[in-house]
Amino acid sequence: LAKDDIVIYESTVYPGATEEVCVPILEQQS
């Protein structure tokens, strides 16, 4: 990830998963 990048998820998840599961990983790794 670089500044101003956008990550769009299409996979089926439960409501809230993108921000609760994926976003923390993106923040931690980047």
PDB file of all heavy atoms in Angstrom:
ATOM      1  N   LEU A   1       0.811  -1.219   0.000  1.00  0.00           N
ATOM      2  CA  LEU A   1       0.000   0.000   0.000  1.00  0.00           C
ATOM      3  C   LEU A   1       0.844   1.270   0.000  1.00  0.00           C
ATOM      4  O   LEU A   1       1.850   1.371   0.703  1.00  0.00           O
ATOM      5  CB  LEU A   1      -0.923   0.026   1.229  1.00  0.00           C
ATOM      6  CG  LEU A   1      -2.289  -0.650   1.119  1.00  0.00           C
ATOM      7  CD1 LEU A   1      -3.078  -0.408   2.396  1.00  0.00           C
ATOM      8  CD2 LEU A   1      -3.072  -0.167  -0.092  1.00  0.00           C
ATOM      9  N   ALA A   2       0.383   2.230  -0.781  1.00  0.00           N
ATOM     10  CA  ALA A   2       0.984   3.567  -0.795  1.00  0.00           C
ATOM     11  C   ALA A   2      -0.105   4.581  -0.461  1.00  0.00           C
ATOM     12  O   ALA A   2      -1.296   4.265  -0.452  1.00  0.00           O
ATOM     13  CB  ALA A   2       1.596   3.856  -2.166  1.00  0.00           C
ATOM     14  N   LYS A   3       0.297   5.801  -0.200  1.00  0.00           N
ATOM     15  CA  LYS A   3      -0.649   6.847   0.182  1.00  0.00           C
ATOM     16  C   LYS A   3      -1.705   7.053  -0.904  1.00  0.00           C
ATOM     17  O   LYS A   3      -1.393   7.061  -2.094  1.00  0.00           O
ATOM     18  CB  LYS A   3       0.093   8.160   0.460  1.00  0.00           C
ATOM     19  CG  LYS A   3      -0.785   9.232   1.081  1.00  0.00           C
ATOM     20  CD  LYS A   3       0.042  10.409   1.564  1.00  0.00           C
ATOM     21  CE  LYS A   3      -0.850  11.544   2.054  1.00  0.00           C
ATOM     22  NZ  LYS A   3      -1.809  11.153   3.079  1.00  0.00           N
ATOM     23  N   ASP A   4      -2.952   7.174  -0.456  1.00  0.00           N
ATOM     24  CA  ASP A   4      -4.140   7.421  -1.288  1.00  0.00           C
ATOM     25  C   ASP A   4      -4.627   6.207  -2.073  1.00  0.00           C
ATOM     26  O   ASP A   4      -5.551   6.325  -2.882  1.00  0.00           O
ATOM     27  CB  ASP A   4      -3.900   8.588  -2.263  1.00  0.00           C
ATOM     28  CG  ASP A   4      -3.687   9.903  -1.529  1.00  0.00           C
ATOM     29  OD1 ASP A   4      -4.309  10.087  -0.462  1.00  0.00           O
ATOM     30  OD2 ASP A   4      -2.892  10.734  -2.021  1.00  0.00           O
ATOM     31  N   ASP A   5      -4.030   5.053  -1.825  1.00  0.00           N
ATOM     32  CA  ASP A   5      -4.523   3.830  -2.470  1.00  0.00           C
ATOM     33  C   ASP A   5      -5.910   3.460  -1.928  1.00  0.00           C
ATOM     34  O   ASP A   5      -6.262   3.798  -0.791  1.00  0.00           O
ATOM     35  CB  ASP A   5      -3.568   2.659  -2.233  1.00  0.00           C
ATOM     36  CG  ASP A   5      -2.303   2.746  -3.076  1.00  0.00           C
ATOM     37  OD1 ASP A   5      -2.218   3.669  -3.914  1.00  0.00           O
ATOM     38  OD2 ASP A   5      -1.403   1.895  -2.889  1.00  0.00           O
ATOM     39  N   ILE A   6      -6.656   2.730  -2.752  1.00  0.00           N
ATOM     40  CA  ILE A   6      -7.994   2.250  -2.362  1.00  0.00           C
ATOM     41  C   ILE A   6      -8.014   0.731  -2.471  1.00  0.00           C
ATOM     42  O   ILE A   6      -7.586   0.158  -3.479  1.00  0.00           O
ATOM     43  CB  ILE A   6      -9.089   2.848  -3.271  1.00  0.00           C
ATOM     44  CG1 ILE A   6      -9.074   4.377  -3.216  1.00  0.00           C
ATOM     45  CG2 ILE A   6     -10.473   2.324  -2.868  1.00  0.00           C
ATOM     46  CD1 ILE A   6     -10.011   5.029  -4.220  1.00  0.00           C
ATOM     47  N   VAL A   7      -8.532   0.084  -1.433  1.00  0.00           N
ATOM     48  CA  VAL A   7      -8.697  -1.369  -1.436  1.00  0.00           C
ATOM     49  C   VAL A   7     -10.190  -1.671  -1.413  1.00  0.00           C
ATOM     50  O   VAL A   7     -10.900  -1.272  -0.488  1.00  0.00           O
ATOM     51  CB  VAL A   7      -8.012  -2.034  -0.217  1.00  0.00           C
ATOM     52  CG1 VAL A   7      -8.116  -3.555  -0.329  1.00  0.00           C
ATOM     53  CG2 VAL A   7      -6.555  -1.598  -0.113  1.00  0.00           C
ATOM     54  N   ILE A   8     -10.667  -2.376  -2.437  1.00  0.00           N
ATOM     55  CA  ILE A   8     -12.093  -2.707  -2.552  1.00  0.00           C
ATOM     56  C   ILE A   8     -12.254  -4.217  -2.391  1.00  0.00           C
ATOM     57  O   ILE A   8     -11.603  -5.001  -3.085  1.00  0.00           O
ATOM     58  CB  ILE A   8     -12.653  -2.277  -3.922  1.00  0.00           C
ATOM     59  CG1 ILE A   8     -12.420  -0.780  -4.155  1.00  0.00           C
ATOM     60  CG2 ILE A   8     -14.150  -2.604  -4.020  1.00  0.00           C
ATOM     61  CD1 ILE A   8     -12.693  -0.338  -5.592  1.00  0.00           C
ATOM     62  N   TYR A   9     -13.110  -4.602  -1.462  1.00  0.00           N
ATOM     63  CA  TYR A   9     -13.375  -6.021  -1.231  1.00  0.00           C
ATOM     64  C   TYR A   9     -14.688  -6.418  -1.901  1.00  0.00           C
ATOM     65  O   TYR A   9     -15.676  -5.683  -1.861  1.00  0.00           O
ATOM     66  CB  TYR A   9     -13.438  -6.319   0.270  1.00  0.00           C
ATOM     67  CG  TYR A   9     -12.097  -6.187   0.954  1.00  0.00           C
ATOM     68  CD1 TYR A   9     -11.687  -4.976   1.533  1.00  0.00           C
ATOM     69  CD2 TYR A   9     -11.210  -7.261   1.013  1.00  0.00           C
ATOM     70  CE1 TYR A   9     -10.450  -4.851   2.144  1.00  0.00           C
ATOM     71  CE2 TYR A   9      -9.968  -7.144   1.622  1.00  0.00           C
ATOM     72  CZ  TYR A   9      -9.600  -5.935   2.190  1.00  0.00           C
ATOM     73  OH  TYR A   9      -8.367  -5.813   2.800  1.00  0.00           O
ATOM     74  N   GLU A  10     -14.688  -7.610  -2.516  1.00  0.00           N
ATOM     75  CA  GLU A  10     -15.906  -8.133  -3.145  1.00  0.00           C
ATOM     76  C   GLU A  10     -16.366  -9.438  -2.509  1.00  0.00           C
ATOM     77  O   GLU A  10     -17.497  -9.868  -2.725  1.00  0.00           O
ATOM     78  CB  GLU A  10     -15.676  -8.361  -4.648  1.00  0.00           C
ATOM     79  CG  GLU A  10     -15.540  -7.094  -5.460  1.00  0.00           C
ATOM     80  CD  GLU A  10     -16.173  -7.220  -6.842  1.00  0.00           C
ATOM     81  OE1 GLU A  10     -16.652  -8.326  -7.182  1.00  0.00           O
ATOM     82  OE2 GLU A  10     -16.211  -6.223  -7.572  1.00  0.00           O
ATOM     83  N   SER A  11     -15.509 -10.071  -1.734  1.00  0.00           N
ATOM     84  CA  SER A  11     -15.819 -11.383  -1.166  1.00  0.00           C
ATOM     85  C   SER A  11     -16.945 -11.289  -0.135  1.00  0.00           C
ATOM     86  O   SER A  11     -17.080 -10.292   0.568  1.00  0.00           O
ATOM     87  CB  SER A  11     -14.573 -11.968  -0.496  1.00  0.00           C
ATOM     88  OG  SER A  11     -13.467 -11.934  -1.371  1.00  0.00           O
ATOM     89  N   THR A  12     -17.733 -12.358  -0.047  1.00  0.00           N
ATOM     90  CA  THR A  12     -18.803 -12.415   0.946  1.00  0.00           C
ATOM     91  C   THR A  12     -18.224 -12.415   2.357  1.00  0.00           C
ATOM     92  O   THR A  12     -17.328 -13.205   2.669  1.00  0.00           O
ATOM     93  CB  THR A  12     -19.639 -13.695   0.760  1.00  0.00           C
ATOM     94  OG1 THR A  12     -20.224 -13.674  -0.531  1.00  0.00           O
ATOM     95  CG2 THR A  12     -20.733 -13.784   1.818  1.00  0.00           C
ATOM     96  N   VAL A  13     -18.743 -11.528   3.192  1.00  0.00           N
ATOM     97  CA  VAL A  13     -18.333 -11.467   4.598  1.00  0.00           C
ATOM     98  C   VAL A  13     -19.557 -11.137   5.452  1.00  0.00           C
ATOM     99  O   VAL A  13     -20.606 -10.781   4.932  1.00  0.00           O
ATOM    100  CB  VAL A  13     -17.246 -10.395   4.845  1.00  0.00           C
ATOM    101  CG1 VAL A  13     -15.925 -10.804   4.214  1.00  0.00           C
ATOM    102  CG2 VAL A  13     -17.690  -9.037   4.308  1.00  0.00           C
ATOM    103  N   TYR A  14     -19.423 -11.235   6.761  1.00  0.00           N
ATOM    104  CA  TYR A  14     -20.505 -10.775   7.636  1.00  0.00           C
ATOM    105  C   TYR A  14     -20.415  -9.255   7.776  1.00  0.00           C
ATOM    106  O   TYR A  14     -19.344  -8.661   7.569  1.00  0.00           O
ATOM    107  CB  TYR A  14     -20.431 -11.461   9.008  1.00  0.00           C
ATOM    108  CG  TYR A  14     -19.093 -11.391   9.697  1.00  0.00           C
ATOM    109  CD1 TYR A  14     -18.670 -10.240  10.347  1.00  0.00           C
ATOM    110  CD2 TYR A  14     -18.242 -12.500   9.714  1.00  0.00           C
ATOM    111  CE1 TYR A  14     -17.443 -10.175  10.983  1.00  0.00           C
ATOM    112  CE2 TYR A  14     -17.006 -12.449  10.349  1.00  0.00           C
ATOM    113  CZ  TYR A  14     -16.626 -11.284  10.986  1.00  0.00           C
ATOM    114  OH  TYR A  14     -15.407 -11.221  11.612  1.00  0.00           O
ATOM    115  N   PRO A  15     -21.510  -8.602   8.100  1.00  0.00           N
ATOM    116  CA  PRO A  15     -21.481  -7.135   8.228  1.00  0.00           C
ATOM    117  C   PRO A  15     -20.451  -6.675   9.253  1.00  0.00           C
ATOM    118  O   PRO A  15     -20.450  -7.141  10.399  1.00  0.00           O
ATOM    119  CB  PRO A  15     -22.910  -6.801   8.687  1.00  0.00           C
ATOM    120  CG  PRO A  15     -23.740  -7.942   8.204  1.00  0.00           C
ATOM    121  CD  PRO A  15     -22.862  -9.146   8.298  1.00  0.00           C
ATOM    122  N   GLY A  16     -19.565  -5.809   8.821  1.00  0.00           N
ATOM    123  CA  GLY A  16     -18.520  -5.284   9.701  1.00  0.00           C
ATOM    124  C   GLY A  16     -17.146  -5.880   9.482  1.00  0.00           C
ATOM    125  O   GLY A  16     -16.147  -5.355   9.985  1.00  0.00           O
ATOM    126  N   ALA A  17     -17.060  -6.971   8.716  1.00  0.00           N
ATOM    127  CA  ALA A  17     -15.788  -7.693   8.587  1.00  0.00           C
ATOM    128  C   ALA A  17     -14.700  -6.862   7.916  1.00  0.00           C
ATOM    129  O   ALA A  17     -13.530  -6.927   8.311  1.00  0.00           O
ATOM    130  CB  ALA A  17     -15.997  -8.995   7.816  1.00  0.00           C
ATOM    131  N   THR A  18     -15.054  -6.082   6.905  1.00  0.00           N
ATOM    132  CA  THR A  18     -14.042  -5.286   6.192  1.00  0.00           C
ATOM    133  C   THR A  18     -13.306  -4.369   7.155  1.00  0.00           C
ATOM    134  O   THR A  18     -12.063  -4.331   7.184  1.00  0.00           O
ATOM    135  CB  THR A  18     -14.684  -4.460   5.066  1.00  0.00           C
ATOM    136  OG1 THR A  18     -15.280  -5.358   4.126  1.00  0.00           O
ATOM    137  CG2 THR A  18     -13.640  -3.605   4.357  1.00  0.00           C
ATOM    138  N   GLU A  19     -14.074  -3.646   7.957  1.00  0.00           N
ATOM    139  CA  GLU A  19     -13.459  -2.664   8.861  1.00  0.00           C
ATOM    140  C   GLU A  19     -12.927  -3.292  10.147  1.00  0.00           C
ATOM    141  O   GLU A  19     -11.986  -2.776  10.748  1.00  0.00           O
ATOM    142  CB  GLU A  19     -14.487  -1.565   9.174  1.00  0.00           C
ATOM    143  CG  GLU A  19     -14.723  -0.650   7.965  1.00  0.00           C
ATOM    144  CD  GLU A  19     -16.099  -0.005   7.956  1.00  0.00           C
ATOM    145  OE1 GLU A  19     -17.098  -0.737   8.035  1.00  0.00           O
ATOM    146  OE2 GLU A  19     -16.161   1.227   7.860  1.00  0.00           O
ATOM    147  N   GLU A  20     -13.502  -4.426  10.560  1.00  0.00           N
ATOM    148  CA  GLU A  20     -13.065  -5.060  11.808  1.00  0.00           C
ATOM    149  C   GLU A  20     -11.895  -6.020  11.610  1.00  0.00           C
ATOM    150  O   GLU A  20     -11.050  -6.166  12.504  1.00  0.00           O
ATOM    151  CB  GLU A  20     -14.238  -5.835  12.436  1.00  0.00           C
ATOM    152  CG  GLU A  20     -15.384  -4.947  12.899  1.00  0.00           C
ATOM    153  CD  GLU A  20     -16.635  -5.746  13.229  1.00  0.00           C
ATOM    154  OE1 GLU A  20     -16.538  -6.996  13.297  1.00  0.00           O
ATOM    155  OE2 GLU A  20     -17.706  -5.141  13.403  1.00  0.00           O
ATOM    156  N   VAL A  21     -11.835  -6.686  10.451  1.00  0.00           N
ATOM    157  CA  VAL A  21     -10.814  -7.710  10.213  1.00  0.00           C
ATOM    158  C   VAL A  21      -9.750  -7.226   9.222  1.00  0.00           C
ATOM    159  O   VAL A  21      -8.549  -7.297   9.503  1.00  0.00           O
ATOM    160  CB  VAL A  21     -11.452  -9.022   9.693  1.00  0.00           C
ATOM    161  CG1 VAL A  21     -10.376 -10.058   9.380  1.00  0.00           C
ATOM    162  CG2 VAL A  21     -12.444  -9.568  10.706  1.00  0.00           C
ATOM    163  N   CYS A  22     -10.189  -6.721   8.076  1.00  0.00           N
ATOM    164  CA  CYS A  22      -9.245  -6.399   6.993  1.00  0.00           C
ATOM    165  C   CYS A  22      -8.480  -5.103   7.233  1.00  0.00           C
ATOM    166  O   CYS A  22      -7.253  -5.051   7.031  1.00  0.00           O
ATOM    167  CB  CYS A  22      -9.986  -6.321   5.662  1.00  0.00           C
ATOM    168  SG  CYS A  22     -10.849  -7.839   5.227  1.00  0.00           S
ATOM    169  N   VAL A  23      -9.184  -4.063   7.652  1.00  0.00           N
ATOM    170  CA  VAL A  23      -8.534  -2.752   7.824  1.00  0.00           C
ATOM    171  C   VAL A  23      -7.378  -2.802   8.825  1.00  0.00           C
ATOM    172  O   VAL A  23      -6.292  -2.272   8.542  1.00  0.00           O
ATOM    173  CB  VAL A  23      -9.565  -1.673   8.199  1.00  0.00           C
ATOM    174  CG1 VAL A  23      -8.873  -0.419   8.725  1.00  0.00           C
ATOM    175  CG2 VAL A  23     -10.429  -1.333   6.991  1.00  0.00           C
ATOM    176  N   PRO A  24      -7.532  -3.413  10.009  1.00  0.00           N
ATOM    177  CA  PRO A  24      -6.398  -3.481  10.940  1.00  0.00           C
ATOM    178  C   PRO A  24      -5.168  -4.170  10.335  1.00  0.00           C
ATOM    179  O   PRO A  24      -4.032  -3.774  10.631  1.00  0.00           O
ATOM    180  CB  PRO A  24      -6.955  -4.283  12.123  1.00  0.00           C
ATOM    181  CG  PRO A  24      -8.426  -4.030  12.092  1.00  0.00           C
ATOM    182  CD  PRO A  24      -8.771  -3.957  10.634  1.00  0.00           C
ATOM    183  N   ILE A  25      -5.404  -5.197   9.503  1.00  0.00           N
ATOM    184  CA  ILE A  25      -4.278  -5.881   8.849  1.00  0.00           C
ATOM    185  C   ILE A  25      -3.590  -4.940   7.867  1.00  0.00           C
ATOM    186  O   ILE A  25      -2.355  -4.864   7.811  1.00  0.00           O
ATOM    187  CB  ILE A  25      -4.769  -7.156   8.133  1.00  0.00           C
ATOM    188  CG1 ILE A  25      -5.283  -8.176   9.151  1.00  0.00           C
ATOM    189  CG2 ILE A  25      -3.649  -7.770   7.285  1.00  0.00           C
ATOM    190  CD1 ILE A  25      -6.001  -9.365   8.517  1.00  0.00           C
ATOM    191  N   LEU A  26      -4.390  -4.222   7.090  1.00  0.00           N
ATOM    192  CA  LEU A  26      -3.821  -3.265   6.134  1.00  0.00           C
ATOM    193  C   LEU A  26      -3.000  -2.195   6.854  1.00  0.00           C
ATOM    194  O   LEU A  26      -1.908  -1.829   6.407  1.00  0.00           O
ATOM    195  CB  LEU A  26      -4.940  -2.609   5.321  1.00  0.00           C
ATOM    196  CG  LEU A  26      -5.752  -3.524   4.390  1.00  0.00           C
ATOM    197  CD1 LEU A  26      -6.946  -2.772   3.803  1.00  0.00           C
ATOM    198  CD2 LEU A  26      -4.877  -4.070   3.266  1.00  0.00           C
ATOM    199  N   GLU A  27      -3.526  -1.704   7.974  1.00  0.00           N
ATOM    200  CA  GLU A  27      -2.802  -0.676   8.748  1.00  0.00           C
ATOM    201  C   GLU A  27      -1.504  -1.238   9.311  1.00  0.00           C
ATOM    202  O   GLU A  27      -0.445  -0.596   9.242  1.00  0.00           O
ATOM    203  CB  GLU A  27      -3.683  -0.166   9.883  1.00  0.00           C
ATOM    204  CG  GLU A  27      -4.812   0.748   9.441  1.00  0.00           C
ATOM    205  CD  GLU A  27      -5.531   1.385  10.613  1.00  0.00           C
ATOM    206  OE1 GLU A  27      -5.838   0.655  11.581  1.00  0.00           O
ATOM    207  OE2 GLU A  27      -5.805   2.602  10.566  1.00  0.00           O
ATOM    208  N   GLN A  28      -1.597  -2.442   9.865  1.00  0.00           N
ATOM    209  CA  GLN A  28      -0.420  -3.051  10.497  1.00  0.00           C
ATOM    210  C   GLN A  28       0.688  -3.312   9.484  1.00  0.00           C
ATOM    211  O   GLN A  28       1.871  -3.031   9.741  1.00  0.00           O
ATOM    212  CB  GLN A  28      -0.831  -4.366  11.175  1.00  0.00           C
ATOM    213  CG  GLN A  28       0.318  -5.070  11.892  1.00  0.00           C
ATOM    214  CD  GLN A  28      -0.101  -6.419  12.448  1.00  0.00           C
ATOM    215  OE1 GLN A  28      -1.054  -7.023  11.963  1.00  0.00           O
ATOM    216  NE2 GLN A  28       0.591  -6.902  13.461  1.00  0.00           N
ATOM    217  N   GLN A  29       0.319  -3.853   8.331  1.00  0.00           N
ATOM    218  CA  GLN A  29       1.318  -4.213   7.325  1.00  0.00           C
ATOM    219  C   GLN A  29       1.904  -2.992   6.611  1.00  0.00           C
ATOM    220  O   GLN A  29       3.059  -3.009   6.198  1.00  0.00           O
ATOM    221  CB  GLN A  29       0.696  -5.158   6.285  1.00  0.00           C
ATOM    222  CG  GLN A  29       0.281  -6.515   6.839  1.00  0.00           C
ATOM    223  CD  GLN A  29       1.463  -7.371   7.253  1.00  0.00           C
ATOM    224  OE1 GLN A  29       2.553  -7.259   6.705  1.00  0.00           O
ATOM    225  NE2 GLN A  29       1.260  -8.220   8.255  1.00  0.00           N
ATOM    226  N   SER A  30       1.114  -1.939   6.471  1.00  0.00           N
ATOM    227  CA  SER A  30       1.557  -0.775   5.688  1.00  0.00           C
ATOM    228  C   SER A  30       2.135   0.343   6.534  1.00  0.00           C
ATOM    229  O   SER A  30       2.916   1.172   6.037  1.00  0.00           O
ATOM    230  CB  SER A  30       0.379  -0.222   4.893  1.00  0.00           C
ATOM    231  OG  SER A  30      -0.601   0.330   5.761  1.00  0.00           O
TER     232      SER A  30
END
